[in-house]
PDB file of N, CA and C in Angstrom:
ATOM      1  N   MET A   1     126.904 111.887  86.802  1.00  0.00           N
ATOM      2  CA  MET A   1     125.936 112.540  86.562  1.00  0.00           C
ATOM      3  C   MET A   1     124.760 112.015  86.604  1.00  0.00           C
ATOM      4  N   VAL A   2     123.452 112.665  86.956  1.00  0.00           N
ATOM      5  CA  VAL A   2     122.564 112.254  87.139  1.00  0.00           C
ATOM      6  C   VAL A   2     121.675 112.096  85.811  1.00  0.00           C
ATOM      7  N   GLU A   3     120.899 110.907  85.496  1.00  0.00           N
ATOM      8  CA  GLU A   3     120.127 111.021  84.285  1.00  0.00           C
ATOM      9  C   GLU A   3     118.742 110.448  84.645  1.00  0.00           C
ATOM     10  N   PHE A   4     117.791 111.155  84.126  1.00  0.00           N
ATOM     11  CA  PHE A   4     116.403 110.884  84.522  1.00  0.00           C
ATOM     12  C   PHE A   4     115.849 110.408  83.460  1.00  0.00           C
ATOM     13  N   LYS A   5     115.325 109.225  83.609  1.00  0.00           N
ATOM     14  CA  LYS A   5     114.516 108.146  82.752  1.00  0.00           C
ATOM     15  C   LYS A   5     113.169 107.905  83.134  1.00  0.00           C
ATOM     16  N   GLN A   6     112.141 107.624  82.518  1.00  0.00           N
ATOM     17  CA  GLN A   6     110.784 107.223  82.760  1.00  0.00           C
ATOM     18  C   GLN A   6     110.735 106.027  82.395  1.00  0.00           C
ATOM     19  N   GLY A   7     109.833 105.106  82.965  1.00  0.00           N
ATOM     20  CA  GLY A   7     109.936 103.439  82.894  1.00  0.00           C
ATOM     21  C   GLY A   7     109.604 102.923  84.260  1.00  0.00           C
ATOM     22  N   ASN A   8     109.870 101.681  84.177  1.00  0.00           N
ATOM     23  CA  ASN A   8     109.838 100.713  85.339  1.00  0.00           C
ATOM     24  C   ASN A   8     111.036 100.241  85.769  1.00  0.00           C
ATOM     25  N   LEU A   9     111.597 100.836  86.810  1.00  0.00           N
ATOM     26  CA  LEU A   9     112.881 100.639  87.542  1.00  0.00           C
ATOM     27  C   LEU A   9     112.975  99.088  87.736  1.00  0.00           C
ATOM     28  N   LEU A  10     111.899  98.417  87.719  1.00  0.00           N
ATOM     29  CA  LEU A  10     112.141  96.824  88.213  1.00  0.00           C
ATOM     30  C   LEU A  10     112.270  96.138  86.879  1.00  0.00           C
ATOM     31  N   GLN A  11     111.974  96.438  85.903  1.00  0.00           N
ATOM     32  CA  GLN A  11     112.268  95.721  84.646  1.00  0.00           C
ATOM     33  C   GLN A  11     113.430  96.469  83.628  1.00  0.00           C
ATOM     34  N   GLU A  12     114.297  97.138  84.193  1.00  0.00           N
ATOM     35  CA  GLU A  12     115.314  97.626  83.554  1.00  0.00           C
ATOM     36  C   GLU A  12     116.364  96.659  83.584  1.00  0.00           C
ATOM     37  N   ASN A  13     117.290  96.588  82.524  1.00  0.00           N
ATOM     38  CA  ASN A  13     118.421  95.496  82.393  1.00  0.00           C
ATOM     39  C   ASN A  13     119.605  96.523  83.057  1.00  0.00           C
ATOM     40  N   ILE A  14     119.715  96.194  84.257  1.00  0.00           N
ATOM     41  CA  ILE A  14     120.851  96.759  85.121  1.00  0.00           C
ATOM     42  C   ILE A  14     121.608  95.572  86.038  1.00  0.00           C
ATOM     43  N   GLU A  15     122.580  95.869  86.484  1.00  0.00           N
ATOM     44  CA  GLU A  15     123.405  95.089  87.147  1.00  0.00           C
ATOM     45  C   GLU A  15     122.966  94.968  88.544  1.00  0.00           C
ATOM     46  N   ALA A  16     122.551  95.953  89.224  1.00  0.00           N
ATOM     47  CA  ALA A  16     121.992  95.795  90.456  1.00  0.00           C
ATOM     48  C   ALA A  16     120.847  96.618  90.928  1.00  0.00           C
ATOM     49  N   LEU A  17     119.965  96.312  91.915  1.00  0.00           N
ATOM     50  CA  LEU A  17     118.946  97.125  92.465  1.00  0.00           C
ATOM     51  C   LEU A  17     118.935  97.200  94.104  1.00  0.00           C
ATOM     52  N   VAL A  18     118.967  98.245  94.631  1.00  0.00           N
ATOM     53  CA  VAL A  18     119.005  98.369  96.040  1.00  0.00           C
ATOM     54  C   VAL A  18     117.844  98.960  96.698  1.00  0.00           C
ATOM     55  N   ASN A  19     117.247  98.003  97.595  1.00  0.00           N
ATOM     56  CA  ASN A  19     115.894  98.556  98.254  1.00  0.00           C
ATOM     57  C   ASN A  19     116.461  98.773  99.857  1.00  0.00           C
ATOM     58  N   THR A  20     115.880  99.791 100.468  1.00  0.00           N
ATOM     59  CA  THR A  20     116.338 100.264 101.814  1.00  0.00           C
ATOM     60  C   THR A  20     115.381  99.361 102.699  1.00  0.00           C
ATOM     61  N   VAL A  21     115.736  99.013 103.681  1.00  0.00           N
ATOM     62  CA  VAL A  21     115.070  98.244 104.556  1.00  0.00           C
ATOM     63  C   VAL A  21     115.116  98.977 105.986  1.00  0.00           C
ATOM     64  N   ASN A  22     114.054  98.205 106.979  1.00  0.00           N
ATOM     65  CA  ASN A  22     114.103  98.619 108.494  1.00  0.00           C
ATOM     66  C   ASN A  22     114.097  97.367 109.144  1.00  0.00           C
ATOM     67  N   CYS A  23     114.234  97.625 110.516  1.00  0.00           N
ATOM     68  CA  CYS A  23     114.420  96.767 111.417  1.00  0.00           C
ATOM     69  C   CYS A  23     112.920  95.936 111.645  1.00  0.00           C
ATOM     70  N   VAL A  24     111.785  96.612 111.226  1.00  0.00           N
ATOM     71  CA  VAL A  24     110.380  96.350 111.591  1.00  0.00           C
ATOM     72  C   VAL A  24     110.176  94.903 110.758  1.00  0.00           C
ATOM     73  N   GLY A  25     110.705  95.285 109.256  1.00  0.00           N
ATOM     74  CA  GLY A  25     110.405  94.436 108.140  1.00  0.00           C
ATOM     75  C   GLY A  25     108.975  94.713 107.455  1.00  0.00           C
ATOM     76  N   VAL A  26     108.358  95.911 107.694  1.00  0.00           N
ATOM     77  CA  VAL A  26     107.234  96.226 106.898  1.00  0.00           C
ATOM     78  C   VAL A  26     107.625  96.973 105.616  1.00  0.00           C
ATOM     79  N   MET A  27     107.016  96.229 104.556  1.00  0.00           N
ATOM     80  CA  MET A  27     107.113  96.907 103.072  1.00  0.00           C
ATOM     81  C   MET A  27     105.578  97.050 102.689  1.00  0.00           C
ATOM     82  N   GLY A  28     104.982  98.028 103.176  1.00  0.00           N
ATOM     83  CA  GLY A  28     103.573  98.258 102.618  1.00  0.00           C
ATOM     84  C   GLY A  28     103.206  99.372 101.932  1.00  0.00           C
ATOM     85  N   LYS A  29     104.214 100.306 101.420  1.00  0.00           N
ATOM     86  CA  LYS A  29     103.825 101.510 100.670  1.00  0.00           C
ATOM     87  C   LYS A  29     105.028 101.784  99.577  1.00  0.00           C
ATOM     88  N   GLY A  30     104.839 102.571  98.816  1.00  0.00           N
ATOM     89  CA  GLY A  30     105.752 103.234  97.728  1.00  0.00           C
ATOM     90  C   GLY A  30     106.565 102.086  97.011  1.00  0.00           C
ATOM     91  N   ILE A  31     107.810 102.360  96.914  1.00  0.00           N
ATOM     92  CA  ILE A  31     109.026 101.618  96.087  1.00  0.00           C
ATOM     93  C   ILE A  31     109.258  99.968  96.939  1.00  0.00           C
ATOM     94  N   ALA A  32     109.203 100.182  98.247  1.00  0.00           N
ATOM     95  CA  ALA A  32     109.482  98.977  98.940  1.00  0.00           C
ATOM     96  C   ALA A  32     108.086  97.827  98.547  1.00  0.00           C
ATOM     97  N   LEU A  33     106.855  98.082  98.657  1.00  0.00           N
ATOM     98  CA  LEU A  33     105.832  97.353  98.231  1.00  0.00           C
ATOM     99  C   LEU A  33     106.013  96.625  96.872  1.00  0.00           C
ATOM    100  N   GLN A  34     106.627  97.778  95.821  1.00  0.00           N
ATOM    101  CA  GLN A  34     106.749  97.397  94.568  1.00  0.00           C
ATOM    102  C   GLN A  34     107.996  96.141  94.386  1.00  0.00           C
ATOM    103  N   PHE A  35     109.027  96.291  95.340  1.00  0.00           N
ATOM    104  CA  PHE A  35     109.990  95.350  95.360  1.00  0.00           C
ATOM    105  C   PHE A  35     109.546  94.142  96.060  1.00  0.00           C
ATOM    106  N   LYS A  36     108.730  94.381  97.094  1.00  0.00           N
ATOM    107  CA  LYS A  36     108.078  93.090  97.717  1.00  0.00           C
ATOM    108  C   LYS A  36     107.449  92.105  96.662  1.00  0.00           C
ATOM    109  N   LYS A  37     106.741  92.762  95.749  1.00  0.00           N
ATOM    110  CA  LYS A  37     105.801  92.139  94.866  1.00  0.00           C
ATOM    111  C   LYS A  37     106.790  91.653  93.648  1.00  0.00           C
ATOM    112  N   ALA A  38     107.661  92.283  93.431  1.00  0.00           N
ATOM    113  CA  ALA A  38     108.610  91.689  92.223  1.00  0.00           C
ATOM    114  C   ALA A  38     109.550  90.461  92.536  1.00  0.00           C
ATOM    115  N   PHE A  39     109.932  90.675  93.809  1.00  0.00           N
ATOM    116  CA  PHE A  39     110.874  89.859  94.601  1.00  0.00           C
ATOM    117  C   PHE A  39     110.532  89.132  95.818  1.00  0.00           C
ATOM    118  N   PRO A  40     109.635  88.217  96.028  1.00  0.00           N
ATOM    119  CA  PRO A  40     108.814  87.904  96.993  1.00  0.00           C
ATOM    120  C   PRO A  40     109.559  87.247  97.890  1.00  0.00           C
TER     121      PRO A  40
END
């Protein structure tokens, strides 16, 4: 079941976070940029 929550995904107490990547390695917008800033 899908559960919708409000908050900061990167600050949740969870076991794993998954971020998609590409062959170019550019992480300049959206959730990819937030991952880049949180986990340099």
